[in-house]
Protein backbone atom coordinates (compact mmCIF):
# COMPACT_ATOMS: atom_id res chain seq x y z
CA MET A 1 -52.34 46.54 -4.61
CA GLU A 2 -48.72 45.71 -5.46
CA THR A 3 -47.97 41.87 -6.14
CA ASN A 4 -45.11 39.85 -4.78
CA LEU A 5 -43.90 38.07 -7.68
CA TYR A 6 -42.00 35.47 -5.72
CA ASP A 7 -44.69 34.35 -3.65
CA ALA A 8 -47.46 35.23 -6.19
CA THR A 9 -49.76 36.52 -3.37
CA PRO A 10 -50.82 40.10 -2.64
CA GLU A 11 -49.47 41.90 0.43
CA PRO A 12 -52.04 42.26 3.27
CA ARG A 13 -53.32 45.71 3.99
CA GLY A 14 -51.76 47.45 7.06
CA GLY A 15 -48.72 45.46 7.15
CA SER A 16 -45.89 43.63 5.04
CA GLN A 17 -45.11 40.07 4.90
CA PRO A 18 -42.26 38.43 6.91
CA ASN A 19 -38.77 38.59 5.24
CA VAL A 20 -38.36 35.25 3.66
CA HIS A 21 -34.54 35.49 4.63
CA GLU A 22 -35.65 35.65 8.34
CA GLN A 23 -37.57 32.46 8.41
CA ASN A 24 -36.23 29.28 9.94
CA PRO A 25 -34.43 27.28 7.36
CA LYS A 26 -36.40 24.19 8.16
CA GLN A 27 -39.57 25.90 7.36
CA CYS A 28 -38.25 26.89 4.06
CA HIS A 29 -37.21 23.50 3.13
CA ASP A 30 -40.40 21.79 4.33
CA ARG A 31 -42.27 24.00 1.75
CA PHE A 32 -40.14 22.52 -1.15
CA GLU A 33 -41.78 19.42 -2.54
CA GLU A 34 -38.98 16.91 -2.94
CA ASP A 35 -39.04 14.34 -5.84
CA PRO A 36 -40.28 11.14 -4.29
CA SER A 37 -38.11 9.09 -6.74
CA LEU A 38 -34.78 10.26 -5.46
CA PRO A 39 -32.49 7.64 -3.74
CA ARG A 40 -33.41 6.56 -0.27
CA ILE A 41 -31.49 7.98 2.60
CA THR A 42 -30.62 5.29 5.19
CA PRO A 43 -29.13 6.54 8.62
CA ALA A 44 -26.31 4.41 9.79
CA SER A 45 -23.76 4.29 12.43
CA ILE A 46 -20.05 3.67 11.35
CA LYS A 47 -16.81 3.50 13.28
CA LEU A 48 -14.15 6.12 12.73
CA TYR A 49 -10.43 5.45 13.52
CA ASP A 50 -9.10 9.00 14.08
CA GLY A 51 -11.31 10.20 11.67
CA MET A 52 -10.96 7.54 9.08
CA ARG A 53 -13.24 4.74 8.20
CA MET A 54 -12.09 1.19 7.79
CA PRO A 55 -12.33 -0.08 4.09
CA GLU A 56 -15.49 -1.71 3.46
CA LEU A 57 -13.56 -4.80 2.34
CA ILE A 58 -11.98 -5.23 5.78
CA GLU A 59 -15.38 -4.48 7.39
CA ASN A 60 -16.96 -7.19 5.77
CA LEU A 61 -14.45 -9.99 6.31
CA PRO A 62 -15.73 -12.53 8.86
CA PRO A 63 -13.74 -13.37 12.05
CA VAL A 64 -11.21 -16.18 12.16
CA PRO A 65 -13.20 -19.17 13.29
CA GLY A 66 -12.03 -20.60 16.69
CA LEU A 67 -9.16 -18.48 16.92
CA GLN A 68 -7.12 -19.29 20.20
CA LEU A 69 -4.25 -16.80 21.31
CA SER A 70 -1.21 -17.97 23.49
CA GLN A 71 -1.76 -18.03 27.26
CA GLN A 72 0.83 -15.21 27.41
CA PRO A 73 0.35 -13.26 24.11
CA ASN A 74 1.92 -9.94 25.22
CA GLU A 75 5.72 -10.68 24.78
CA THR A 76 7.39 -7.83 22.94
CA PHE A 77 10.38 -8.08 20.78
CA THR A 78 12.74 -5.40 19.38
CA PHE A 79 13.31 -4.62 15.82
CA ASP A 80 16.96 -5.61 15.95
CA PHE A 81 16.13 -9.07 17.52
CA LEU A 82 13.32 -9.65 14.52
CA LYS A 83 15.88 -8.72 12.00
CA ARG A 84 18.72 -10.85 13.48
CA VAL A 85 16.41 -14.02 13.80
CA LEU A 86 14.09 -13.69 11.01
CA GLY A 87 16.42 -11.75 8.42
CA GLY A 88 14.80 -10.11 5.36
CA LYS A 89 15.20 -7.47 2.89
CA ALA A 90 12.79 -4.52 2.70
CA VAL A 91 10.56 -4.43 -0.28
CA SER A 92 8.23 -1.71 1.12
CA SER A 93 7.46 0.07 4.39
CA GLY A 94 7.54 -2.66 6.99
CA TRP A 95 7.53 -5.60 4.62
CA TRP A 96 10.52 -7.76 4.67
CA VAL A 97 11.17 -10.73 2.20
CA ILE A 98 13.76 -13.39 3.35
CA PRO A 99 15.95 -14.51 0.13
CA PRO A 100 15.69 -18.11 -0.57
CA LYS A 101 19.60 -18.58 -0.18
CA THR A 102 19.35 -17.34 3.51
CA ARG A 103 16.30 -19.28 4.77
CA GLU A 104 18.14 -22.42 5.52
CA LYS A 105 20.31 -20.63 8.12
CA ARG A 106 17.30 -19.10 9.94
CA LEU A 107 15.36 -20.26 12.79
CA PHE A 108 12.38 -20.67 10.58
CA PRO A 109 13.52 -22.17 7.09
CA GLN A 110 9.91 -22.06 5.81
CA LEU A 111 9.38 -18.41 6.48
CA LYS A 112 9.46 -16.30 3.22
CA SER A 113 8.34 -12.90 4.61
CA PHE A 114 7.16 -10.89 7.55
CA ARG A 115 5.68 -7.53 8.35
CA THR A 116 6.58 -5.03 11.09
CA LEU A 117 4.16 -1.94 11.43
CA ASN A 118 3.63 0.88 13.82
CA SER A 119 0.27 1.98 14.95
CA ASP A 120 1.62 5.57 16.08
CA TYR A 121 1.14 6.57 12.33
CA ASP A 122 -1.20 3.91 11.08
CA PRO A 123 -4.79 4.20 12.58
CA LEU A 124 -6.29 1.32 10.63
CA LEU A 125 -4.21 -1.46 11.84
CA PRO A 126 -5.46 -4.42 13.78
CA ARG A 127 -6.03 -3.39 17.39
CA ARG A 128 -5.66 -6.99 18.88
CA PRO A 129 -4.44 -10.22 17.47
CA GLY A 130 -6.94 -11.80 15.26
CA GLU A 131 -8.38 -8.72 14.05
CA HIS A 132 -8.37 -7.50 10.40
CA GLY A 133 -7.23 -4.22 9.46
CA ALA A 134 -5.21 -2.05 6.90
CA GLN A 135 -1.87 -0.34 6.37
CA LEU A 136 -1.78 3.14 4.84
CA SER A 137 1.32 3.36 2.59
CA CYS A 138 2.58 5.72 -0.27
CA ILE A 139 4.91 2.81 -1.53
CA LEU A 140 3.59 -0.07 -3.40
CA ALA A 141 5.38 -3.26 -2.62
CA GLU A 142 6.61 -5.69 -5.53
CA VAL A 143 6.34 -9.01 -4.33
CA ASP A 144 5.32 -12.61 -5.58
CA ASP A 145 2.22 -14.22 -4.40
CA GLU A 146 4.04 -16.53 -2.08
CA HIS A 147 5.03 -13.44 0.09
CA LEU A 148 1.31 -12.50 0.59
CA THR A 149 0.99 -14.45 3.57
CA PHE A 150 3.16 -13.57 6.63
CA PRO A 151 3.43 -12.98 10.45
CA LEU A 152 2.56 -9.55 11.44
CA PHE A 153 4.08 -7.72 14.28
CA ILE A 154 2.94 -4.49 15.53
CA ARG A 155 4.40 -1.61 17.63
CA CYS A 156 2.77 1.04 19.54
CA GLY A 157 4.66 3.83 21.47
CA GLN A 158 7.97 3.00 22.91
CA ASP A 159 7.25 -0.72 23.49
CA GLY A 160 8.51 -3.29 21.33
CA TYR A 161 6.75 -5.24 18.52
CA LYS A 162 3.99 -7.74 19.62
CA TYR A 163 2.85 -10.76 17.49
CA TYR A 164 -0.64 -10.38 15.99
CA GLY A 165 -0.87 -13.76 14.02
CA THR A 166 -0.68 -15.02 10.35
CA TYR A 167 -1.99 -12.40 7.83
CA ARG A 168 -2.60 -12.30 4.26
CA GLU A 169 -3.54 -9.68 1.67
CA PRO A 170 -6.81 -10.86 0.31
CA ARG A 171 -6.76 -8.15 -2.45
CA TYR A 172 -4.23 -6.04 -4.21
CA SER A 173 -3.63 -2.42 -2.87
CA ASP A 174 -6.29 0.30 -3.71
CA ARG A 175 -5.51 3.84 -4.07
CA LEU A 176 -7.15 6.36 -1.79
CA GLY A 177 -9.19 9.18 -3.60
CA GLY A 178 -9.09 12.93 -2.91
CA ASN A 179 -12.02 12.74 -0.65
CA GLU A 180 -10.45 9.76 1.46
CA MET A 181 -7.21 11.65 1.43
CA ARG A 182 -9.05 14.53 3.44
CA GLN A 183 -9.84 11.96 6.20
CA VAL A 184 -6.25 10.94 6.60
CA PRO A 185 -4.97 12.29 9.97
CA GLU A 186 -2.37 15.07 9.67
CA TYR A 187 0.25 13.12 11.68
CA VAL A 188 -0.12 10.30 9.09
CA LYS A 189 0.65 12.67 6.37
CA LYS A 190 3.50 14.41 8.12
CA HIS A 191 5.06 11.16 8.99
CA TRP A 192 5.23 10.04 5.27
CA ALA A 193 6.11 13.36 4.04
CA SER A 194 9.36 13.47 6.30
CA GLN A 195 10.18 9.92 5.08
CA ILE A 196 9.83 10.56 1.53
CA GLY A 197 11.01 14.15 1.52
CA ALA A 198 14.14 13.24 3.59
CA MET A 199 17.68 13.54 2.05
CA ARG A 200 20.35 11.25 2.99
CA ARG A 201 24.17 11.53 2.35
CA ASP A 202 23.86 9.26 -0.68
CA GLY A 203 20.52 10.85 -1.87
CA LYS A 204 17.00 9.48 -1.46
CA ILE A 205 16.04 5.84 -0.89
CA PRO A 206 15.34 4.37 -4.30
CA LYS A 207 11.70 3.33 -3.27
CA HIS A 208 11.03 6.99 -2.20
CA THR A 209 12.28 8.19 -5.26
CA ASP A 210 10.03 6.04 -7.26
CA ALA A 211 7.07 7.10 -5.14
CA ILE A 212 7.88 10.83 -6.10
CA ARG A 213 8.39 10.00 -9.74
CA ALA A 214 4.99 8.35 -9.83
CA ALA A 215 3.33 11.32 -8.39
CA TRP A 216 5.02 14.28 -10.19
CA PRO A 217 4.03 15.58 -13.56
CA LYS A 218 6.39 14.42 -16.30
CA VAL A 219 8.88 16.81 -17.83
CA PRO A 220 8.45 17.81 -21.46
CA VAL A 221 11.56 16.99 -23.54
CA GLY A 222 10.65 18.08 -26.90
CA TRP A 223 9.06 17.21 -30.26
CA LEU A 224 10.12 14.17 -32.55
CA THR A 225 10.25 15.04 -36.46
CA ASP A 226 11.61 13.47 -39.45
CA ASN A 227 9.95 9.97 -38.86
CA TYR A 228 10.96 10.07 -35.19
CA LYS A 229 14.63 10.47 -36.16
CA ARG A 230 15.04 14.24 -34.81
CA LEU A 231 14.27 15.66 -31.55
CA ILE A 232 13.46 19.38 -31.27
CA PRO A 233 14.36 20.60 -27.77
CA TYR A 234 11.36 21.66 -25.68
CA GLN A 235 10.58 25.39 -25.66
CA GLU A 236 7.10 26.53 -24.24
CA LYS A 237 6.78 29.03 -27.08
CA LEU A 238 7.03 26.22 -29.64
CA HIS A 239 3.80 24.80 -28.55
CA ASP A 240 1.54 26.32 -31.22
CA ASP A 241 3.91 25.16 -33.89
CA PHE A 242 3.19 21.36 -33.36
CA GLU A 243 -0.43 19.65 -33.43
CA GLU A 244 0.97 16.75 -30.99
CA ASP A 245 1.81 17.00 -27.42
CA PRO A 246 5.76 17.00 -26.81
CA VAL A 247 7.50 13.84 -25.55
CA THR A 248 7.70 13.57 -21.64
CA ARG A 249 9.84 11.87 -19.28
CA PRO A 250 9.56 11.19 -15.58
CA ILE A 251 11.47 13.43 -13.29
CA THR A 252 14.71 11.77 -12.20
CA ALA A 253 17.27 11.67 -9.48
CA ASP A 254 20.26 10.57 -11.74
CA ASP A 255 20.89 13.49 -14.13
CA ALA A 256 19.13 16.77 -12.96
CA ASP A 257 18.63 15.70 -9.45
CA GLU A 258 14.99 16.81 -9.69
CA ALA A 259 13.47 14.11 -7.33
CA ASP A 260 16.09 15.04 -4.58
CA GLU A 261 14.81 18.70 -4.73
CA VAL A 262 11.27 17.54 -3.55
CA GLY A 263 11.09 17.90 0.20
CA GLU A 264 8.66 17.64 2.98
CA SER A 265 6.80 20.60 2.27
CA GLU A 266 6.03 19.78 -1.36
CA ILE A 267 5.01 16.22 -0.27
CA LEU A 268 2.41 17.60 2.07
CA LYS A 269 1.03 20.06 -0.76
CA ALA A 270 0.82 16.77 -3.11
CA PHE A 271 -1.38 15.01 -0.65
CA GLU A 272 -4.05 17.81 -0.71
CA THR A 273 -4.36 18.28 -4.67
CA ALA A 274 -7.42 17.12 -6.44
CA ASP A 275 -7.40 13.80 -8.22
CA THR A 276 -7.44 15.40 -11.81
CA ASP A 277 -5.42 18.14 -10.93
CA THR A 278 -2.10 18.53 -13.06
CA ALA A 279 0.04 19.52 -10.14
CA PRO A 280 1.91 16.78 -8.21
CA SER A 281 -0.78 14.49 -6.64
CA MET A 282 0.47 11.92 -4.17
CA ARG A 283 -1.83 9.33 -2.60
CA PHE A 284 -1.94 6.72 -0.08
CA PHE A 285 -2.63 2.98 -0.75
CA TYR A 286 -4.65 0.55 1.31
CA GLU A 287 -2.58 -2.42 2.17
CA TYR A 288 -5.21 -4.86 3.42
CA LEU A 289 -4.60 -7.13 6.26
CA GLN A 290 -6.71 -10.26 6.80
CA CYS A 291 -5.90 -12.57 9.72
CA VAL A 292 -5.95 -16.14 8.85
CA GLY A 293 -4.49 -17.72 11.96
CA TYR A 294 -2.38 -17.75 15.08
CA GLY A 295 1.05 -19.64 14.91
CA HIS A 296 1.35 -21.07 18.40
CA ASP A 297 4.70 -22.94 17.70
CA PHE A 298 6.02 -20.00 15.89
CA TYR A 299 5.34 -17.65 18.67
CA LYS A 300 6.73 -20.13 21.32
CA GLU A 301 9.99 -20.68 19.44
CA LEU A 302 10.44 -16.86 18.97
CA VAL A 303 10.01 -16.36 22.81
CA ALA A 304 12.34 -19.14 23.57
CA LYS A 305 15.01 -17.69 21.25
CA LYS A 306 14.58 -14.32 22.93
CA LEU A 307 15.11 -15.83 26.25
CA GLU A 308 18.22 -17.78 24.64
CA LEU A 309 19.97 -14.63 23.50
CA GLY A 310 19.02 -12.60 26.51
CA VAL A 311 17.48 -9.71 24.95
């Protein structure tokens, strides 16, 4: 009698044993003795926003206690109106900082910054006034701490911007990893790729160029010799002649126009690369949005100014 070495049991007379590959996968798994010391599996239900999970930091924030909205909270404002009345200089996508010298001339002299965001390509934004959320951005804003509290306006579709309340950033931005990038909706990636990859008459927007330079591999320049006094220009064939790595520089838009050559398709490919890949690897950042209040007087004066201007 022949012995089945894999089952270590003899085949019965008059017939063969069932093919292991034809058995139900669950039956095969049940035969395996799992190590009882493995980490415990806990079933849980989560909310997904177009396939994305809200950052845990935001999910764990408590609601604003006793928040009361205006009796008519649905007034909309055009972007031109907000810029005309509030002023501001862009420091990131939808983040406007008002220079100190111009604040005294404005309707709200104490206002230092405000945000205008669009839910058409930002699935994690607050859905109602008073709710917390997060913005997805490829561009990090460089602002002082005094600008980290601001009124927030959000637009959806063709309607104007609505006031959502006073918000703050409870934590500096976090970078999305490669696994989280796979959950970002395609329409979000295409929006940012079209923005960063766009070429204007006078070149790319400086903030967009900075994002590209941070994501793209540095360019080898050469090797320093003679106590760092002489540079041997880079040639790939010279790698074996030097023990150290060559000196590198970021790609630039000033001399060789390297950043200007990066278009929408290159940006989309850079979104899909692995975290440790040497190829261009562009990532989003979470810009956290915590509601801390609702400015009734601010909203009332803004509506009154809109009626005054007839816009």
